[in-house]
Structures are given as structure tokens and as C-alpha cells.
Amino acid sequence: RLLEDAVRRIRQVGTSDAKELEEPDVSLPGAAYIPDTYVSDSGQKLHLYRRLSKIEDRSEVARLREEMADRFGPLPEEVERLLDGQALRLLGKHLGIERVYVKGREGRVTFHANANPRLSALEVPFRDRQVEIQVSRMAPLSLALRQVGAEPLTRTLVRALEAVVAERAQAA
């Protein structure tokens, strides 16, 4: 049975690559936008939205975050959510995540059926950031998360998924 599953996955690789490249559905609590009180010029705001929509690498999100903080001051929560949402979409696309849902201190991460994440690669970054993980479903993998530390779950999720991507890059 395991051999049959492995063969089926190998055969699906050619037909499912397009699905792996889709950005995941990301649902975060609260509004995610650039408030007028933060960037009052509508032209600058439109330019920032365009830049954010064209970002294809998570390091570009970090650079945009730094640039906005330098130009306009500390980022309001709405802008933080906007940038975190884009970072989660890019990380999710890279890791084969279908959906990310965060509400308060709890959340769920669901992977595509053809994604094969190693649970051990996910456990360490989440444990280090004080997140309890419960496997809700094995196929496709769905994880229920609960933040027990002080950091907000969204920021923890971004950092943990970045650690998983970095670990994969080192292993390759």
C-alpha cells in the first residue's frame, strides 16, 4: 500500500506542479491595509500596494517593511497584517500550503494533498516559538496551532515557516 501511494504521488508530480505554485488562501484577524493616517498621499499609497502585489520573494517583504518604517515611522497593526499576509502567501506557495487561518491565539495550516512536509521540520520552529501543534488530519496534512508564548501567532507563524524554508535550503 505504501509503495502504491509513493507511485501515485510520483505520477501526480507532473500534473500537480501548477497547483503547488498557487498562493494559499490566508485569513488573518483584523483589517490589512495602509491607513490614511500612516500614508496620506494616495499616489504613494497606490505605489506601495503595487510594489507589494508584485513581490515574489519573502526577503522583498522584509525590505519593504524596513523601508516603510524608515519613511513613515512605526508600522500600524493594519500594515503589519498586510505585510505578514503577503509573507505567509509567499512562504505557503513555497511549502505547498493551501490555507492559513489565524484567529487570535489559534490557527490552522492546511497543506495541499500533494505536499509532503516533514512534521519534524515543522515541530522544532513551532516549539521554539511556544506554539502547540495538533495534527487535525494527516491527508492532506492539516495542523491546528495554539500560541502559548507572548508573540502574536501570525508573527510566530511567519518566523517558523521561514525557519522551515531555510532548513530545506540547507538540506538541498
Protein backbone atom coordinates (compact mmCIF):
# COMPACT_ATOMS: atom_id res chain seq x y z
CA ARG A 1 0.00 0.00 0.00
CA LEU A 2 2.84 2.40 0.84
CA LEU A 3 4.51 1.56 -2.46
CA GLU A 4 1.26 2.23 -4.34
CA ASP A 5 0.92 5.62 -2.58
CA ALA A 6 4.50 6.54 -3.47
CA VAL A 7 3.99 5.57 -7.12
CA ARG A 8 0.74 7.55 -7.26
CA ARG A 9 2.49 10.65 -5.84
CA ILE A 10 5.34 10.34 -8.33
CA ARG A 11 2.87 10.10 -11.23
CA GLN A 12 0.96 13.13 -9.94
CA VAL A 13 4.06 15.35 -9.79
CA GLY A 14 3.79 16.32 -13.45
CA THR A 15 0.06 17.06 -13.22
CA SER A 16 0.07 18.83 -9.88
CA ASP A 17 3.00 21.26 -10.25
CA ALA A 18 0.65 24.10 -11.20
CA LYS A 19 -1.34 23.61 -8.01
CA GLU A 20 1.84 23.82 -5.90
CA LEU A 21 2.58 27.21 -7.40
CA GLU A 22 -0.73 28.72 -6.32
CA GLU A 23 -0.67 31.14 -3.43
CA PRO A 24 -2.51 29.88 -0.38
CA ASP A 25 -5.66 31.42 0.98
CA VAL A 26 -4.54 33.48 4.00
CA SER A 27 -7.07 34.65 6.57
CA LEU A 28 -5.80 36.86 9.39
CA PRO A 29 -7.78 38.61 12.14
CA GLY A 30 -8.47 42.28 11.57
CA ALA A 31 -8.05 44.65 8.66
CA ALA A 32 -4.96 44.62 6.43
CA TYR A 33 -4.41 47.90 4.60
CA ILE A 34 -2.40 51.12 4.60
CA PRO A 35 -4.35 53.70 6.63
CA ASP A 36 -4.56 57.35 5.53
CA THR A 37 -3.14 58.33 8.90
CA TYR A 38 0.03 56.39 8.04
CA VAL A 39 0.47 57.31 4.35
CA SER A 40 -1.69 60.29 3.45
CA ASP A 41 -0.62 60.68 -0.19
CA SER A 42 -2.85 58.43 -2.32
CA GLY A 43 -0.19 58.21 -5.06
CA GLN A 44 2.41 56.90 -2.63
CA LYS A 45 -0.11 54.52 -1.14
CA LEU A 46 -1.03 53.14 -4.59
CA HIS A 47 2.67 52.74 -5.39
CA LEU A 48 3.20 50.74 -2.17
CA TYR A 49 0.22 48.49 -2.93
CA ARG A 50 1.56 47.86 -6.45
CA ARG A 51 5.00 47.01 -5.11
CA LEU A 52 3.53 44.66 -2.54
CA SER A 53 1.41 42.89 -5.17
CA LYS A 54 4.47 42.30 -7.37
CA ILE A 55 6.70 40.90 -4.63
CA GLU A 56 7.77 37.34 -5.38
CA ASP A 57 10.38 36.76 -2.67
CA ARG A 58 9.84 36.94 1.08
CA SER A 59 13.07 38.92 1.57
CA GLU A 60 11.46 41.69 -0.50
CA VAL A 61 8.64 41.84 2.07
CA ALA A 62 11.22 42.43 4.81
CA ARG A 63 12.89 45.16 2.74
CA LEU A 64 9.54 46.86 2.11
CA ARG A 65 8.74 46.64 5.84
CA GLU A 66 12.05 48.33 6.70
CA GLU A 67 11.61 50.98 4.03
CA MET A 68 8.08 51.85 5.17
CA ALA A 69 9.20 52.09 8.80
CA ASP A 70 12.09 54.33 7.75
CA ARG A 71 9.95 56.60 5.56
CA PHE A 72 6.69 56.76 7.51
CA GLY A 73 7.52 55.66 11.07
CA PRO A 74 6.46 52.62 13.10
CA LEU A 75 4.05 50.38 11.20
CA PRO A 76 0.44 50.31 12.42
CA GLU A 77 -1.16 46.92 13.05
CA GLU A 78 -3.07 47.07 9.75
CA VAL A 79 0.16 47.46 7.78
CA GLU A 80 1.84 44.70 9.81
CA ARG A 81 -1.06 42.36 8.91
CA LEU A 82 -0.84 43.37 5.25
CA LEU A 83 2.87 42.56 5.09
CA ASP A 84 2.55 39.40 7.20
CA GLY A 85 -0.24 38.20 4.92
CA GLN A 86 1.97 38.63 1.86
CA ALA A 87 4.88 36.87 3.61
CA LEU A 88 2.60 33.95 4.52
CA ARG A 89 1.34 33.70 0.93
CA LEU A 90 4.90 33.53 -0.41
CA LEU A 91 6.05 31.05 2.24
CA GLY A 92 2.91 28.97 1.75
CA LYS A 93 3.42 28.87 -2.00
CA HIS A 94 6.98 27.62 -1.46
CA LEU A 95 5.98 24.98 1.12
CA GLY A 96 2.82 23.69 -0.58
CA ILE A 97 0.35 25.24 1.85
CA GLU A 98 -3.25 25.53 0.69
CA ARG A 99 -4.74 27.59 3.51
CA VAL A 100 -3.61 29.59 6.56
CA TYR A 101 -6.23 30.67 9.06
CA VAL A 102 -5.42 32.68 12.19
CA LYS A 103 -7.89 33.92 14.76
CA GLY A 104 -6.46 35.34 17.95
CA ARG A 105 -4.05 32.88 19.54
CA GLU A 106 -5.25 29.91 17.48
CA GLY A 107 -4.85 28.98 13.86
CA ARG A 108 -4.80 26.27 11.25
CA VAL A 109 -2.39 25.45 8.44
CA THR A 110 -3.59 23.09 5.72
CA PHE A 111 -1.25 21.70 3.08
CA HIS A 112 -2.09 20.67 -0.49
CA ALA A 113 -2.77 16.98 -0.95
CA ASN A 114 0.42 16.60 -2.99
CA ALA A 115 2.66 18.44 -0.49
CA ASN A 116 4.74 16.17 1.71
CA PRO A 117 6.07 18.29 4.58
CA ARG A 118 8.14 16.62 7.25
CA LEU A 119 6.41 17.05 10.60
CA SER A 120 9.77 17.08 12.37
CA ALA A 121 10.81 20.09 10.28
CA LEU A 122 7.70 21.92 11.47
CA GLU A 123 7.85 20.85 15.11
CA VAL A 124 11.13 22.49 16.12
CA PRO A 125 10.42 26.01 14.83
CA PHE A 126 6.95 26.00 16.38
CA ARG A 127 8.13 24.57 19.71
CA ASP A 128 10.95 27.14 19.88
CA ARG A 129 8.35 29.88 19.41
CA GLN A 130 5.97 28.41 22.02
CA VAL A 131 3.27 27.13 19.69
CA GLU A 132 1.42 23.92 20.45
CA ILE A 133 0.72 21.78 17.37
CA GLN A 134 -2.00 19.22 16.93
CA VAL A 135 -2.39 17.18 13.76
CA SER A 136 -6.03 17.55 12.76
CA ARG A 137 -5.76 15.46 9.61
CA MET A 138 -2.93 13.51 8.00
CA ALA A 139 -4.02 13.56 4.35
CA PRO A 140 -3.88 16.28 3.33
CA LEU A 141 -1.93 17.44 6.35
CA SER A 142 -3.79 19.95 8.49
CA LEU A 143 -2.30 21.38 11.68
CA ALA A 144 -4.15 23.15 14.49
CA LEU A 145 -1.94 25.71 16.23
CA ARG A 146 -2.22 27.42 19.59
CA GLN A 147 0.15 30.20 20.65
CA VAL A 148 1.15 29.91 24.30
CA GLY A 149 4.00 32.44 24.20
CA ALA A 150 3.73 36.22 24.21
CA GLU A 151 4.38 36.83 20.50
CA PRO A 152 1.30 37.06 18.24
CA LEU A 153 0.58 33.84 16.33
CA THR A 154 0.82 35.50 12.91
CA ARG A 155 4.38 36.73 13.51
CA THR A 156 5.32 33.37 15.02
CA LEU A 157 3.89 31.56 12.01
CA VAL A 158 5.89 33.71 9.59
CA ARG A 159 9.13 33.12 11.53
CA ALA A 160 8.52 29.38 11.92
CA LEU A 161 7.76 28.88 8.23
CA GLU A 162 10.86 30.92 7.33
CA ALA A 163 12.89 28.55 9.50
CA VAL A 164 11.41 25.54 7.68
CA VAL A 165 12.27 27.08 4.29
CA ALA A 166 15.82 27.83 5.49
CA GLU A 167 16.22 24.26 6.77
CA ARG A 168 15.06 22.89 3.42
CA ALA A 169 17.55 25.12 1.60
CA GLN A 170 20.41 23.88 3.80
CA ALA A 171 19.42 20.25 3.24
CA ALA A 172 19.32 20.70 -0.55
